[in-house]
Amino acid sequence: MILDRLTGVSFFSSYLLQEAIQIELYVIKIELQFTPASLIGLVATLYFVLKKG
Protein backbone atom coordinates (compact mmCIF):
# COMPACT_ATOMS: atom_id res chain seq x y z
CA MET A 1 0.00 0.00 0.00
CA ILE A 2 2.88 2.37 0.65
CA LEU A 3 4.22 1.91 -2.89
CA ASP A 4 0.72 2.46 -4.26
CA ARG A 5 0.41 5.74 -2.38
CA LEU A 6 3.88 6.91 -3.40
CA THR A 7 3.37 6.15 -7.10
CA GLY A 8 -0.35 6.90 -7.26
CA VAL A 9 -1.03 3.56 -8.98
CA SER A 10 -2.73 0.48 -7.50
CA PHE A 11 -0.45 -1.92 -9.39
CA PHE A 12 1.71 -3.04 -6.47
CA SER A 13 -1.15 -4.40 -4.35
CA SER A 14 -2.98 -6.22 -7.16
CA TYR A 15 -3.00 -10.01 -6.94
CA LEU A 16 -1.02 -11.92 -9.58
CA LEU A 17 -2.90 -15.20 -9.15
CA GLN A 18 -6.65 -15.82 -9.41
CA GLU A 19 -6.65 -17.90 -6.21
CA ALA A 20 -4.27 -18.25 -3.30
CA ILE A 21 -1.90 -21.22 -3.25
CA GLN A 22 -2.99 -23.51 -0.43
CA ILE A 23 -0.64 -25.82 1.45
CA GLU A 24 -1.96 -28.10 4.18
CA LEU A 25 0.53 -29.46 6.70
CA TYR A 26 -1.36 -31.71 9.12
CA VAL A 27 -3.25 -29.19 11.27
CA ILE A 28 -1.76 -26.03 9.75
CA LYS A 29 -3.21 -24.56 6.57
CA ILE A 30 -1.11 -21.98 4.71
CA GLU A 31 -2.40 -19.75 1.92
CA LEU A 32 0.00 -17.74 -0.23
CA GLN A 33 -1.00 -14.86 -2.48
CA PHE A 34 1.58 -13.03 -4.57
CA THR A 35 1.58 -9.33 -5.42
CA PRO A 36 4.20 -7.36 -7.35
CA ALA A 37 5.27 -5.67 -4.10
CA SER A 38 5.78 -9.01 -2.35
CA LEU A 39 7.92 -10.29 -5.22
CA ILE A 40 10.03 -7.11 -5.17
CA GLY A 41 10.53 -7.59 -1.42
CA LEU A 42 11.48 -11.24 -1.88
CA VAL A 43 14.05 -10.41 -4.57
CA ALA A 44 15.52 -7.56 -2.49
CA THR A 45 15.76 -9.79 0.59
CA LEU A 46 17.48 -12.58 -1.33
CA TYR A 47 19.89 -10.08 -2.87
CA PHE A 48 20.94 -8.66 0.49
CA VAL A 49 21.22 -12.10 2.11
CA LEU A 50 23.37 -13.46 -0.71
CA LYS A 51 25.44 -10.26 -0.88
CA LYS A 52 26.23 -10.41 2.83
CA GLY A 53 26.91 -14.18 2.86
PDB file of N, CA and C in Angstrom:
ATOM      1  N   MET A   1       0.805  -1.185   0.000  1.00  0.00           N
ATOM      2  CA  MET A   1       0.000   0.000   0.000  1.00  0.00           C
ATOM      3  C   MET A   1       0.856   1.261   0.000  1.00  0.00           C
ATOM      4  N   ILE A   2       2.012   1.190   0.616  1.00  0.00           N
ATOM      5  CA  ILE A   2       2.876   2.369   0.649  1.00  0.00           C
ATOM      6  C   ILE A   2       3.364   2.703  -0.756  1.00  0.00           C
ATOM      7  N   LEU A   3       3.777   1.674  -1.517  1.00  0.00           N
ATOM      8  CA  LEU A   3       4.221   1.912  -2.893  1.00  0.00           C
ATOM      9  C   LEU A   3       3.082   2.445  -3.754  1.00  0.00           C
ATOM     10  N   ASP A   4       1.875   1.959  -3.514  1.00  0.00           N
ATOM     11  CA  ASP A   4       0.718   2.462  -4.255  1.00  0.00           C
ATOM     12  C   ASP A   4       0.498   3.946  -3.981  1.00  0.00           C
ATOM     13  N   ARG A   5       0.625   4.330  -2.731  1.00  0.00           N
ATOM     14  CA  ARG A   5       0.414   5.741  -2.375  1.00  0.00           C
ATOM     15  C   ARG A   5       1.528   6.633  -2.914  1.00  0.00           C
ATOM     16  N   LEU A   6       2.766   6.119  -2.897  1.00  0.00           N
ATOM     17  CA  LEU A   6       3.885   6.913  -3.405  1.00  0.00           C
ATOM     18  C   LEU A   6       3.798   7.117  -4.914  1.00  0.00           C
ATOM     19  N   THR A   7       3.418   6.058  -5.633  1.00  0.00           N
ATOM     20  CA  THR A   7       3.372   6.146  -7.096  1.00  0.00           C
ATOM     21  C   THR A   7       2.026   6.605  -7.625  1.00  0.00           C
ATOM     22  N   GLY A   8       0.973   6.501  -6.814  1.00  0.00           N
ATOM     23  CA  GLY A   8      -0.355   6.897  -7.263  1.00  0.00           C
ATOM     24  C   GLY A   8      -1.028   5.860  -8.147  1.00  0.00           C
ATOM     25  N   VAL A   9      -0.489   4.641  -8.162  1.00  0.00           N
ATOM     26  CA  VAL A   9      -1.032   3.559  -8.984  1.00  0.00           C
ATOM     27  C   VAL A   9      -1.325   2.374  -8.066  1.00  0.00           C
ATOM     28  N   SER A  10      -2.397   1.636  -8.344  1.00  0.00           N
ATOM     29  CA  SER A  10      -2.729   0.485  -7.496  1.00  0.00           C
ATOM     30  C   SER A  10      -2.163  -0.816  -8.053  1.00  0.00           C
ATOM     31  N   PHE A  11      -1.060  -0.742  -8.775  1.00  0.00           N
ATOM     32  CA  PHE A  11      -0.448  -1.924  -9.391  1.00  0.00           C
ATOM     33  C   PHE A  11       0.210  -2.835  -8.364  1.00  0.00           C
ATOM     34  N   PHE A  12       0.880  -2.257  -7.387  1.00  0.00           N
ATOM     35  CA  PHE A  12       1.707  -3.039  -6.474  1.00  0.00           C
ATOM     36  C   PHE A  12       0.903  -3.910  -5.518  1.00  0.00           C
ATOM     37  N   SER A  13      -0.351  -3.579  -5.262  1.00  0.00           N
ATOM     38  CA  SER A  13      -1.152  -4.396  -4.352  1.00  0.00           C
ATOM     39  C   SER A  13      -2.139  -5.296  -5.084  1.00  0.00           C
ATOM     40  N   SER A  14      -2.079  -5.343  -6.409  1.00  0.00           N
ATOM     41  CA  SER A  14      -2.979  -6.224  -7.157  1.00  0.00           C
ATOM     42  C   SER A  14      -2.454  -7.655  -7.101  1.00  0.00           C
ATOM     43  N   TYR A  15      -3.374  -8.593  -7.038  1.00  0.00           N
ATOM     44  CA  TYR A  15      -2.999 -10.008  -6.943  1.00  0.00           C
ATOM     45  C   TYR A  15      -2.576 -10.534  -8.301  1.00  0.00           C
ATOM     46  N   LEU A  16      -1.516 -11.344  -8.333  1.00  0.00           N
ATOM     47  CA  LEU A  16      -1.016 -11.917  -9.578  1.00  0.00           C
ATOM     48  C   LEU A  16      -1.699 -13.235  -9.927  1.00  0.00           C
ATOM     49  N   LEU A  17      -2.235 -13.917  -8.937  1.00  0.00           N
ATOM     50  CA  LEU A  17      -2.898 -15.200  -9.152  1.00  0.00           C
ATOM     51  C   LEU A  17      -4.398 -15.053  -8.914  1.00  0.00           C
ATOM     52  N   GLN A  18      -5.195 -15.858  -9.599  1.00  0.00           N
ATOM     53  CA  GLN A  18      -6.650 -15.823  -9.405  1.00  0.00           C
ATOM     54  C   GLN A  18      -7.030 -16.292  -8.007  1.00  0.00           C
ATOM     55  N   GLU A  19      -6.364 -17.348  -7.533  1.00  0.00           N
ATOM     56  CA  GLU A  19      -6.646 -17.897  -6.212  1.00  0.00           C
ATOM     57  C   GLU A  19      -5.336 -18.060  -5.442  1.00  0.00           C
ATOM     58  N   ALA A  20      -5.454 -18.065  -4.143  1.00  0.00           N
ATOM     59  CA  ALA A  20      -4.271 -18.252  -3.302  1.00  0.00           C
ATOM     60  C   ALA A  20      -3.785 -19.691  -3.404  1.00  0.00           C
ATOM     61  N   ILE A  21      -2.482 -19.883  -3.281  1.00  0.00           N
ATOM     62  CA  ILE A  21      -1.896 -21.219  -3.248  1.00  0.00           C
ATOM     63  C   ILE A  21      -2.088 -21.763  -1.838  1.00  0.00           C
ATOM     64  N   GLN A  22      -2.696 -22.931  -1.735  1.00  0.00           N
ATOM     65  CA  GLN A  22      -2.986 -23.511  -0.430  1.00  0.00           C
ATOM     66  C   GLN A  22      -2.090 -24.711  -0.172  1.00  0.00           C
ATOM     67  N   ILE A  23      -1.490 -24.715   1.007  1.00  0.00           N
ATOM     68  CA  ILE A  23      -0.644 -25.821   1.448  1.00  0.00           C
ATOM     69  C   ILE A  23      -1.170 -26.284   2.799  1.00  0.00           C
ATOM     70  N   GLU A  24      -1.475 -27.558   2.912  1.00  0.00           N
ATOM     71  CA  GLU A  24      -1.964 -28.100   4.178  1.00  0.00           C
ATOM     72  C   GLU A  24      -0.910 -29.016   4.780  1.00  0.00           C
ATOM     73  N   LEU A  25      -0.462 -28.670   5.964  1.00  0.00           N
ATOM     74  CA  LEU A  25       0.527 -29.456   6.699  1.00  0.00           C
ATOM     75  C   LEU A  25      -0.111 -29.930   8.001  1.00  0.00           C
ATOM     76  N   TYR A  26      -0.671 -31.125   7.973  1.00  0.00           N
ATOM     77  CA  TYR A  26      -1.355 -31.713   9.123  1.00  0.00           C
ATOM     78  C   TYR A  26      -2.454 -30.777   9.616  1.00  0.00           C
ATOM     79  N   VAL A  27      -2.230 -30.054  10.694  1.00  0.00           N
ATOM     80  CA  VAL A  27      -3.255 -29.191  11.273  1.00  0.00           C
ATOM     81  C   VAL A  27      -3.161 -27.768  10.723  1.00  0.00           C
ATOM     82  N   ILE A  28      -2.005 -27.395  10.210  1.00  0.00           N
ATOM     83  CA  ILE A  28      -1.759 -26.028   9.751  1.00  0.00           C
ATOM     84  C   ILE A  28      -2.114 -25.894   8.275  1.00  0.00           C
ATOM     85  N   LYS A  29      -2.865 -24.853   7.958  1.00  0.00           N
ATOM     86  CA  LYS A  29      -3.212 -24.561   6.567  1.00  0.00           C
ATOM     87  C   LYS A  29      -2.601 -23.210   6.197  1.00  0.00           C
ATOM     88  N   ILE A  30      -1.792 -23.195   5.141  1.00  0.00           N
ATOM     89  CA  ILE A  30      -1.106 -21.975   4.713  1.00  0.00           C
ATOM     90  C   ILE A  30      -1.638 -21.562   3.350  1.00  0.00           C
ATOM     91  N   GLU A  31      -1.974 -20.290   3.211  1.00  0.00           N
ATOM     92  CA  GLU A  31      -2.401 -19.752   1.923  1.00  0.00           C
ATOM     93  C   GLU A  31      -1.441 -18.650   1.507  1.00  0.00           C
ATOM     94  N   LEU A  32      -0.928 -18.733   0.287  1.00  0.00           N
ATOM     95  CA  LEU A  32       0.005 -17.740  -0.232  1.00  0.00           C
ATOM     96  C   LEU A  32      -0.632 -16.991  -1.389  1.00  0.00           C
ATOM     97  N   GLN A  33      -0.515 -15.682  -1.382  1.00  0.00           N
ATOM     98  CA  GLN A  33      -1.000 -14.856  -2.484  1.00  0.00           C
ATOM     99  C   GLN A  33       0.124 -13.888  -2.850  1.00  0.00           C
ATOM    100  N   PHE A  34       0.464 -13.853  -4.117  1.00  0.00           N
ATOM    101  CA  PHE A  34       1.580 -13.030  -4.569  1.00  0.00           C
ATOM    102  C   PHE A  34       1.092 -11.716  -5.165  1.00  0.00           C
ATOM    103  N   THR A  35       1.804 -10.643  -4.819  1.00  0.00           N
ATOM    104  CA  THR A  35       1.582  -9.328  -5.416  1.00  0.00           C
ATOM    105  C   THR A  35       2.929  -8.848  -5.962  1.00  0.00           C
ATOM    106  N   PRO A  36       2.920  -7.888  -6.863  1.00  0.00           N
ATOM    107  CA  PRO A  36       4.201  -7.359  -7.348  1.00  0.00           C
ATOM    108  C   PRO A  36       5.087  -6.833  -6.214  1.00  0.00           C
ATOM    109  N   ALA A  37       4.486  -6.202  -5.222  1.00  0.00           N
ATOM    110  CA  ALA A  37       5.272  -5.672  -4.103  1.00  0.00           C
ATOM    111  C   ALA A  37       5.913  -6.796  -3.293  1.00  0.00           C
ATOM    112  N   SER A  38       5.199  -7.899  -3.106  1.00  0.00           N
ATOM    113  CA  SER A  38       5.781  -9.011  -2.351  1.00  0.00           C
ATOM    114  C   SER A  38       6.931  -9.653  -3.115  1.00  0.00           C
ATOM    115  N   LEU A  39       6.828  -9.728  -4.425  1.00  0.00           N
ATOM    116  CA  LEU A  39       7.919 -10.290  -5.219  1.00  0.00           C
ATOM    117  C   LEU A  39       9.138  -9.376  -5.224  1.00  0.00           C
ATOM    118  N   ILE A  40       8.921  -8.062  -5.256  1.00  0.00           N
ATOM    119  CA  ILE A  40      10.032  -7.108  -5.167  1.00  0.00           C
ATOM    120  C   ILE A  40      10.731  -7.256  -3.815  1.00  0.00           C
ATOM    121  N   GLY A  41       9.957  -7.391  -2.750  1.00  0.00           N
ATOM    122  CA  GLY A  41      10.532  -7.588  -1.420  1.00  0.00           C
ATOM    123  C   GLY A  41      11.304  -8.884  -1.305  1.00  0.00           C
ATOM    124  N   LEU A  42      10.791  -9.949  -1.904  1.00  0.00           N
ATOM    125  CA  LEU A  42      11.479 -11.238  -1.883  1.00  0.00           C
ATOM    126  C   LEU A  42      12.806 -11.171  -2.623  1.00  0.00           C
ATOM    127  N   VAL A  43      12.817 -10.545  -3.786  1.00  0.00           N
ATOM    128  CA  VAL A  43      14.051 -10.406  -4.566  1.00  0.00           C
ATOM    129  C   VAL A  43      15.064  -9.538  -3.820  1.00  0.00           C
ATOM    130  N   ALA A  44      14.610  -8.438  -3.233  1.00  0.00           N
ATOM    131  CA  ALA A  44      15.519  -7.563  -2.490  1.00  0.00           C
ATOM    132  C   ALA A  44      16.107  -8.282  -1.277  1.00  0.00           C
ATOM    133  N   THR A  45      15.279  -9.041  -0.569  1.00  0.00           N
ATOM    134  CA  THR A  45      15.762  -9.789   0.591  1.00  0.00           C
ATOM    135  C   THR A  45      16.797 -10.826   0.190  1.00  0.00           C
ATOM    136  N   LEU A  46      16.513 -11.581  -0.861  1.00  0.00           N
ATOM    137  CA  LEU A  46      17.475 -12.583  -1.331  1.00  0.00           C
ATOM    138  C   LEU A  46      18.779 -11.939  -1.782  1.00  0.00           C
ATOM    139  N   TYR A  47      18.688 -10.783  -2.424  1.00  0.00           N
ATOM    140  CA  TYR A  47      19.889 -10.075  -2.871  1.00  0.00           C
ATOM    141  C   TYR A  47      20.770  -9.692  -1.682  1.00  0.00           C
ATOM    142  N   PHE A  48      20.158  -9.099  -0.659  1.00  0.00           N
ATOM    143  CA  PHE A  48      20.942  -8.660   0.494  1.00  0.00           C
ATOM    144  C   PHE A  48      21.492  -9.840   1.294  1.00  0.00           C
ATOM    145  N   VAL A  49      20.739 -10.923   1.385  1.00  0.00           N
ATOM    146  CA  VAL A  49      21.221 -12.104   2.106  1.00  0.00           C
ATOM    147  C   VAL A  49      22.401 -12.722   1.370  1.00  0.00           C
ATOM    148  N   LEU A  50      22.285 -12.861   0.057  1.00  0.00           N
ATOM    149  CA  LEU A  50      23.375 -13.459  -0.709  1.00  0.00           C
ATOM    150  C   LEU A  50      24.584 -12.531  -0.807  1.00  0.00           C
ATOM    151  N   LYS A  51      24.348 -11.226  -0.823  1.00  0.00           N
ATOM    152  CA  LYS A  51      25.445 -10.261  -0.882  1.00  0.00           C
ATOM    153  C   LYS A  51      26.250 -10.289   0.419  1.00  0.00           C
ATOM    154  N   LYS A  52      25.552 -10.394   1.541  1.00  0.00           N
ATOM    155  CA  LYS A  52      26.228 -10.407   2.832  1.00  0.00           C
ATOM    156  C   LYS A  52      26.939 -11.737   3.080  1.00  0.00           C
ATOM    157  N   GLY A  53      26.359 -12.841   2.601  1.00  0.00           N
ATOM    158  CA  GLY A  53      26.909 -14.178   2.859  1.00  0.00           C
ATOM    159  C   GLY A  53      28.115 -14.428   2.051  1.00  0.00           C
TER     160      GLY A  53
END
